[in-house]
N, C-alpha and C. Protein backbone atom coordinates (compact mmCIF):
# COMPACT_ATOMS: atom_id res chain seq x y z
N MET A 1 50.41 -12.33 -33.29
CA MET A 1 49.47 -11.37 -33.72
C MET A 1 49.59 -11.15 -35.29
N PRO A 2 48.48 -11.47 -36.00
CA PRO A 2 48.54 -11.29 -37.50
C PRO A 2 48.79 -9.77 -37.79
N ARG A 3 49.56 -9.63 -38.97
CA ARG A 3 49.89 -8.29 -39.42
C ARG A 3 49.21 -8.14 -40.80
N ILE A 4 48.46 -7.06 -40.77
CA ILE A 4 47.62 -6.78 -42.01
C ILE A 4 48.16 -5.46 -42.69
N LEU A 5 48.39 -5.56 -43.95
CA LEU A 5 48.87 -4.40 -44.79
C LEU A 5 47.63 -3.75 -45.39
N VAL A 6 47.34 -2.51 -45.06
CA VAL A 6 46.25 -1.71 -45.71
C VAL A 6 46.86 -0.78 -46.72
N VAL A 7 46.46 -0.87 -47.92
CA VAL A 7 47.00 -0.02 -48.95
C VAL A 7 45.82 0.80 -49.52
N ASP A 8 45.80 2.13 -49.25
CA ASP A 8 44.77 3.04 -49.65
C ASP A 8 45.33 4.42 -49.73
N ASP A 9 45.02 5.16 -50.72
CA ASP A 9 45.48 6.57 -50.76
C ASP A 9 44.70 7.58 -49.95
N GLU A 10 43.65 7.16 -49.36
CA GLU A 10 42.89 8.14 -48.48
C GLU A 10 43.22 7.90 -47.03
N PRO A 11 43.86 9.01 -46.45
CA PRO A 11 44.32 8.94 -45.07
C PRO A 11 43.21 8.52 -44.12
N GLY A 12 42.02 8.94 -44.31
CA GLY A 12 40.91 8.68 -43.45
C GLY A 12 40.56 7.31 -43.35
N ILE A 13 40.55 6.56 -44.59
CA ILE A 13 40.28 5.14 -44.61
C ILE A 13 41.46 4.40 -43.94
N ARG A 14 42.73 4.81 -44.27
CA ARG A 14 43.78 4.08 -43.53
C ARG A 14 43.60 4.22 -42.01
N MET A 15 43.35 5.37 -41.49
CA MET A 15 43.21 5.55 -40.04
C MET A 15 42.01 4.68 -39.52
N LEU A 16 40.86 4.81 -40.16
CA LEU A 16 39.69 4.05 -39.75
C LEU A 16 40.03 2.53 -39.69
N TYR A 17 40.57 2.02 -40.75
CA TYR A 17 40.92 0.54 -40.81
C TYR A 17 41.91 0.19 -39.75
N ALA A 18 42.94 1.02 -39.54
CA ALA A 18 43.93 0.78 -38.54
C ALA A 18 43.34 0.77 -37.11
N ALA A 19 42.57 1.71 -36.80
CA ALA A 19 41.90 1.77 -35.53
C ALA A 19 40.94 0.56 -35.23
N GLU A 20 40.15 0.29 -36.18
CA GLU A 20 39.14 -0.85 -36.09
C GLU A 20 39.92 -2.18 -36.04
N LEU A 21 40.90 -2.40 -36.93
CA LEU A 21 41.52 -3.72 -36.88
C LEU A 21 42.54 -3.89 -35.77
N GLU A 22 43.09 -2.81 -35.25
CA GLU A 22 43.95 -2.93 -34.10
C GLU A 22 43.04 -3.25 -32.91
N ASP A 23 41.85 -2.77 -32.83
CA ASP A 23 40.86 -3.20 -31.78
C ASP A 23 40.49 -4.60 -31.86
N GLU A 24 40.59 -5.16 -32.99
CA GLU A 24 40.33 -6.63 -33.17
C GLU A 24 41.48 -7.47 -32.84
N GLY A 25 42.64 -6.86 -32.52
CA GLY A 25 43.79 -7.68 -32.18
C GLY A 25 44.85 -7.82 -33.24
N TYR A 26 44.72 -7.10 -34.37
CA TYR A 26 45.65 -7.19 -35.48
C TYR A 26 46.66 -6.06 -35.39
N GLU A 27 47.80 -6.37 -35.88
CA GLU A 27 48.82 -5.27 -36.14
C GLU A 27 48.66 -4.84 -37.55
N VAL A 28 48.52 -3.46 -37.74
CA VAL A 28 48.26 -2.90 -39.06
C VAL A 28 49.51 -2.07 -39.52
N VAL A 29 49.86 -2.24 -40.80
CA VAL A 29 50.77 -1.60 -41.46
C VAL A 29 50.03 -0.83 -42.55
N SER A 30 50.31 0.47 -42.74
CA SER A 30 49.51 1.22 -43.78
C SER A 30 50.49 1.77 -44.84
N SER A 31 50.06 1.77 -46.08
CA SER A 31 50.73 2.30 -47.22
C SER A 31 49.79 3.16 -48.00
N GLU A 32 50.31 4.32 -48.54
CA GLU A 32 49.35 5.15 -49.25
C GLU A 32 49.52 4.93 -50.76
N ASN A 33 50.45 4.14 -51.16
CA ASN A 33 50.63 3.77 -52.71
C ASN A 33 51.27 2.47 -52.80
N CYS A 34 51.36 1.97 -53.96
CA CYS A 34 51.81 0.69 -54.35
C CYS A 34 53.34 0.53 -54.07
N ARG A 35 54.06 1.57 -54.24
CA ARG A 35 55.50 1.55 -53.98
C ARG A 35 55.84 1.25 -52.52
N GLU A 36 55.12 2.05 -51.69
CA GLU A 36 55.16 1.78 -50.21
C GLU A 36 54.76 0.37 -49.81
N ALA A 37 53.70 -0.09 -50.46
CA ALA A 37 53.22 -1.42 -50.15
C ALA A 37 54.23 -2.47 -50.48
N ALA A 38 54.83 -2.40 -51.67
CA ALA A 38 55.85 -3.29 -52.17
C ALA A 38 57.01 -3.37 -51.19
N ILE A 39 57.53 -2.21 -50.58
CA ILE A 39 58.54 -2.15 -49.67
C ILE A 39 58.17 -2.90 -48.36
N ALA A 40 56.92 -2.62 -47.86
CA ALA A 40 56.35 -3.30 -46.73
C ALA A 40 56.33 -4.83 -46.94
N LEU A 41 55.92 -5.26 -48.12
CA LEU A 41 55.84 -6.70 -48.34
C LEU A 41 57.25 -7.35 -48.38
N GLU A 42 58.18 -6.57 -48.76
CA GLU A 42 59.53 -7.13 -48.93
C GLU A 42 60.27 -7.15 -47.50
N SER A 43 59.93 -6.20 -46.63
CA SER A 43 60.70 -5.91 -45.48
C SER A 43 59.96 -6.48 -44.15
N GLN A 44 58.77 -6.87 -44.27
CA GLN A 44 58.03 -7.35 -43.08
C GLN A 44 57.19 -8.58 -43.33
N GLN A 45 56.91 -9.27 -42.27
CA GLN A 45 56.01 -10.49 -42.45
C GLN A 45 54.57 -9.92 -42.47
N ILE A 46 53.99 -10.07 -43.59
CA ILE A 46 52.64 -9.65 -43.80
C ILE A 46 51.68 -10.84 -43.85
N ASP A 47 50.63 -10.92 -43.22
CA ASP A 47 49.75 -12.05 -43.20
C ASP A 47 48.52 -11.88 -44.05
N LEU A 48 48.16 -10.68 -44.46
CA LEU A 48 47.01 -10.40 -45.26
C LEU A 48 47.05 -8.99 -45.76
N VAL A 49 46.61 -8.74 -46.90
CA VAL A 49 46.53 -7.40 -47.56
C VAL A 49 45.18 -7.01 -47.93
N VAL A 50 44.82 -5.71 -47.41
CA VAL A 50 43.55 -5.08 -47.82
C VAL A 50 44.05 -4.01 -48.77
N LEU A 51 43.51 -4.21 -50.05
CA LEU A 51 44.10 -3.43 -51.18
C LEU A 51 42.90 -2.65 -51.87
N ASP A 52 43.15 -1.31 -51.95
CA ASP A 52 42.20 -0.37 -52.66
C ASP A 52 42.45 -0.63 -54.18
N ILE A 53 41.50 -0.56 -55.03
CA ILE A 53 41.75 -0.68 -56.46
C ILE A 53 42.23 0.56 -57.17
N GLN A 54 41.69 1.64 -56.87
CA GLN A 54 42.07 2.95 -57.40
C GLN A 54 43.01 3.73 -56.39
N ILE A 55 44.18 3.73 -56.71
CA ILE A 55 45.17 4.41 -55.75
C ILE A 55 45.90 5.45 -56.59
N LYS A 56 45.29 6.70 -56.56
CA LYS A 56 45.78 7.78 -57.41
C LYS A 56 46.02 7.32 -58.76
N GLN A 57 47.30 7.53 -59.26
CA GLN A 57 47.54 7.09 -60.73
C GLN A 57 47.96 5.60 -60.72
N GLU A 58 47.93 4.86 -59.71
CA GLU A 58 48.34 3.53 -59.69
C GLU A 58 47.08 2.60 -59.74
N SER A 59 47.34 1.33 -60.05
CA SER A 59 46.30 0.35 -60.13
C SER A 59 46.49 -0.68 -59.04
N GLY A 60 45.48 -0.80 -58.22
CA GLY A 60 45.48 -1.95 -57.20
C GLY A 60 45.47 -3.28 -57.84
N LEU A 61 44.79 -3.37 -59.07
CA LEU A 61 44.60 -4.60 -59.77
C LEU A 61 46.03 -5.16 -60.27
N GLU A 62 46.75 -4.15 -60.69
CA GLU A 62 48.24 -4.51 -61.12
C GLU A 62 49.01 -5.00 -59.89
N MET A 63 48.84 -4.32 -58.78
CA MET A 63 49.57 -4.68 -57.50
C MET A 63 49.08 -6.11 -57.15
N LEU A 64 47.78 -6.25 -57.26
CA LEU A 64 47.20 -7.68 -56.92
C LEU A 64 47.93 -8.71 -57.81
N GLN A 65 48.10 -8.46 -59.10
CA GLN A 65 48.73 -9.40 -59.98
C GLN A 65 50.19 -9.73 -59.50
N GLU A 66 50.86 -8.63 -59.13
CA GLU A 66 52.34 -8.83 -58.67
C GLU A 66 52.37 -9.58 -57.36
N ILE A 67 51.39 -9.45 -56.42
CA ILE A 67 51.35 -10.13 -55.20
C ILE A 67 51.11 -11.61 -55.45
N VAL A 68 50.16 -11.95 -56.31
CA VAL A 68 49.77 -13.28 -56.64
C VAL A 68 51.05 -14.03 -57.27
N LYS A 69 51.73 -13.18 -58.17
CA LYS A 69 52.90 -13.85 -58.82
C LYS A 69 54.08 -14.13 -57.83
N GLU A 70 54.29 -13.18 -56.88
CA GLU A 70 55.38 -13.29 -55.97
C GLU A 70 55.07 -14.08 -54.74
N ARG A 71 53.87 -14.00 -54.24
CA ARG A 71 53.42 -14.70 -52.95
C ARG A 71 52.00 -15.15 -53.04
N SER A 72 51.82 -16.28 -53.75
CA SER A 72 50.47 -16.73 -54.13
C SER A 72 49.71 -17.15 -52.95
N ASN A 73 50.38 -17.47 -51.87
CA ASN A 73 49.68 -17.94 -50.69
C ASN A 73 49.19 -16.70 -49.66
N LEU A 74 49.55 -15.51 -50.07
CA LEU A 74 49.20 -14.40 -49.25
C LEU A 74 47.79 -13.90 -49.57
N PRO A 75 46.83 -13.97 -48.65
CA PRO A 75 45.47 -13.60 -48.88
C PRO A 75 45.31 -12.06 -49.16
N VAL A 76 44.55 -11.80 -50.13
CA VAL A 76 44.27 -10.42 -50.50
C VAL A 76 42.85 -10.10 -50.65
N ILE A 77 42.38 -9.02 -49.97
CA ILE A 77 41.01 -8.57 -50.02
C ILE A 77 41.02 -7.23 -50.81
N LEU A 78 40.30 -7.26 -51.90
CA LEU A 78 40.16 -5.98 -52.73
C LEU A 78 39.09 -5.19 -52.03
N CYS A 79 39.27 -3.88 -51.80
CA CYS A 79 38.27 -3.06 -51.12
C CYS A 79 38.09 -1.82 -51.96
N SER A 80 36.98 -1.58 -52.59
CA SER A 80 36.75 -0.51 -53.57
C SER A 80 35.48 0.17 -53.22
N ALA A 81 35.29 1.37 -53.58
CA ALA A 81 34.06 2.11 -53.45
C ALA A 81 33.26 1.79 -54.73
N TYR A 82 33.75 1.05 -55.69
CA TYR A 82 32.94 0.76 -56.91
C TYR A 82 32.78 -0.69 -57.08
N ASN A 83 31.52 -1.03 -57.42
CA ASN A 83 31.17 -2.40 -57.61
C ASN A 83 31.60 -2.96 -58.88
N CYS A 84 31.77 -2.03 -59.97
CA CYS A 84 31.98 -2.36 -61.30
C CYS A 84 33.28 -3.25 -61.52
N TYR A 85 34.24 -3.07 -60.64
CA TYR A 85 35.46 -3.82 -60.74
C TYR A 85 35.30 -5.40 -60.49
N LYS A 86 34.12 -5.81 -59.97
CA LYS A 86 33.97 -7.21 -59.71
C LYS A 86 33.96 -8.00 -61.02
N ASP A 87 33.58 -7.33 -62.13
CA ASP A 87 33.51 -7.95 -63.43
C ASP A 87 34.91 -8.09 -64.13
N ASP A 88 35.83 -7.39 -63.63
CA ASP A 88 37.20 -7.36 -64.18
C ASP A 88 37.91 -8.73 -63.80
N PHE A 89 38.35 -9.48 -64.86
CA PHE A 89 39.03 -10.77 -64.59
C PHE A 89 40.13 -10.67 -63.59
N SER A 90 40.86 -9.58 -63.51
CA SER A 90 41.97 -9.37 -62.66
C SER A 90 41.52 -9.40 -61.20
N SER A 91 40.35 -8.86 -60.91
CA SER A 91 39.77 -8.92 -59.55
C SER A 91 39.52 -10.31 -58.97
N TRP A 92 39.35 -11.22 -59.93
CA TRP A 92 39.09 -12.59 -59.47
C TRP A 92 40.25 -13.27 -58.84
N LEU A 93 41.45 -12.77 -58.99
CA LEU A 93 42.57 -13.21 -58.26
C LEU A 93 42.62 -12.99 -56.80
N ALA A 94 41.82 -12.01 -56.45
CA ALA A 94 41.73 -11.66 -55.00
C ALA A 94 40.92 -12.80 -54.24
N ASP A 95 41.14 -12.89 -52.87
CA ASP A 95 40.40 -13.88 -52.12
C ASP A 95 39.08 -13.40 -51.71
N ALA A 96 38.84 -12.08 -51.78
CA ALA A 96 37.58 -11.48 -51.39
C ALA A 96 37.51 -10.07 -52.04
N TYR A 97 36.28 -9.55 -52.20
CA TYR A 97 35.95 -8.23 -52.79
C TYR A 97 34.93 -7.59 -51.93
N ILE A 98 35.39 -6.47 -51.31
CA ILE A 98 34.44 -5.76 -50.37
C ILE A 98 34.22 -4.30 -50.94
N ILE A 99 32.96 -3.88 -50.86
CA ILE A 99 32.70 -2.47 -51.13
C ILE A 99 32.90 -1.67 -49.89
N LYS A 100 33.68 -0.58 -50.11
CA LYS A 100 34.06 0.27 -48.93
C LYS A 100 32.85 0.80 -48.25
N SER A 101 32.92 0.77 -46.86
CA SER A 101 31.83 1.20 -46.02
C SER A 101 32.44 1.65 -44.70
N SER A 102 31.73 2.54 -44.00
CA SER A 102 32.15 2.91 -42.70
C SER A 102 31.91 1.82 -41.76
N ASP A 103 30.97 0.86 -42.02
CA ASP A 103 30.71 -0.33 -41.31
C ASP A 103 31.69 -1.36 -41.77
N LEU A 104 32.58 -1.83 -40.93
CA LEU A 104 33.69 -2.81 -41.25
C LEU A 104 33.32 -4.23 -40.94
N THR A 105 32.06 -4.52 -40.70
CA THR A 105 31.63 -5.85 -40.29
C THR A 105 32.02 -6.86 -41.26
N GLU A 106 31.72 -6.58 -42.59
CA GLU A 106 32.08 -7.48 -43.69
C GLU A 106 33.50 -7.71 -43.85
N LEU A 107 34.26 -6.60 -43.75
CA LEU A 107 35.74 -6.67 -43.88
C LEU A 107 36.34 -7.53 -42.70
N LYS A 108 35.91 -7.27 -41.56
CA LYS A 108 36.41 -7.99 -40.44
C LYS A 108 36.12 -9.49 -40.52
N SER A 109 34.85 -9.87 -40.99
CA SER A 109 34.46 -11.19 -41.14
C SER A 109 35.30 -11.86 -42.21
N GLU A 110 35.54 -11.20 -43.29
CA GLU A 110 36.44 -11.86 -44.35
C GLU A 110 37.92 -11.92 -43.91
N ILE A 111 38.36 -11.03 -43.14
CA ILE A 111 39.74 -11.17 -42.53
C ILE A 111 39.76 -12.37 -41.63
N ARG A 112 38.82 -12.49 -40.73
CA ARG A 112 38.79 -13.69 -39.77
C ARG A 112 38.78 -15.01 -40.61
N ARG A 113 37.91 -15.01 -41.69
CA ARG A 113 37.73 -16.31 -42.49
C ARG A 113 39.16 -16.59 -43.21
N LEU A 114 39.71 -15.55 -43.79
CA LEU A 114 40.95 -15.86 -44.62
C LEU A 114 42.13 -16.25 -43.65
N LEU A 115 42.18 -15.59 -42.49
CA LEU A 115 43.36 -15.92 -41.66
C LEU A 115 43.14 -17.22 -40.90
N ALA A 116 41.88 -17.68 -40.85
CA ALA A 116 41.65 -19.01 -40.28
C ALA A 116 41.93 -20.13 -41.21
N ALA A 117 41.95 -19.88 -42.46
CA ALA A 117 42.13 -20.83 -43.53
C ALA A 117 43.47 -21.53 -43.49
């Protein structure tokens, strides 16, 4: 069963993603900040990361750079409420960029695509 790390500072988003992705057959690990996410990445086998860009005072884009540097083969989906970050060169390191929505069809589709690769 693939394990997905969801990194988002909003508890409601983490709960929604966990419920929806577990229904799809994934195991979900949730982190509310980059520090927790880094610990999860070190201590668990993670197959894909869904990463928010704005995480309180932390930057998801900086976390993305660290993930790419440490584990370049780990797929990362940036998930943001803001479309403006698509133009940031750092966001181009991600395997996909999704605008947050209560409809997770696009997110689920990208997860299936990336895990099948």
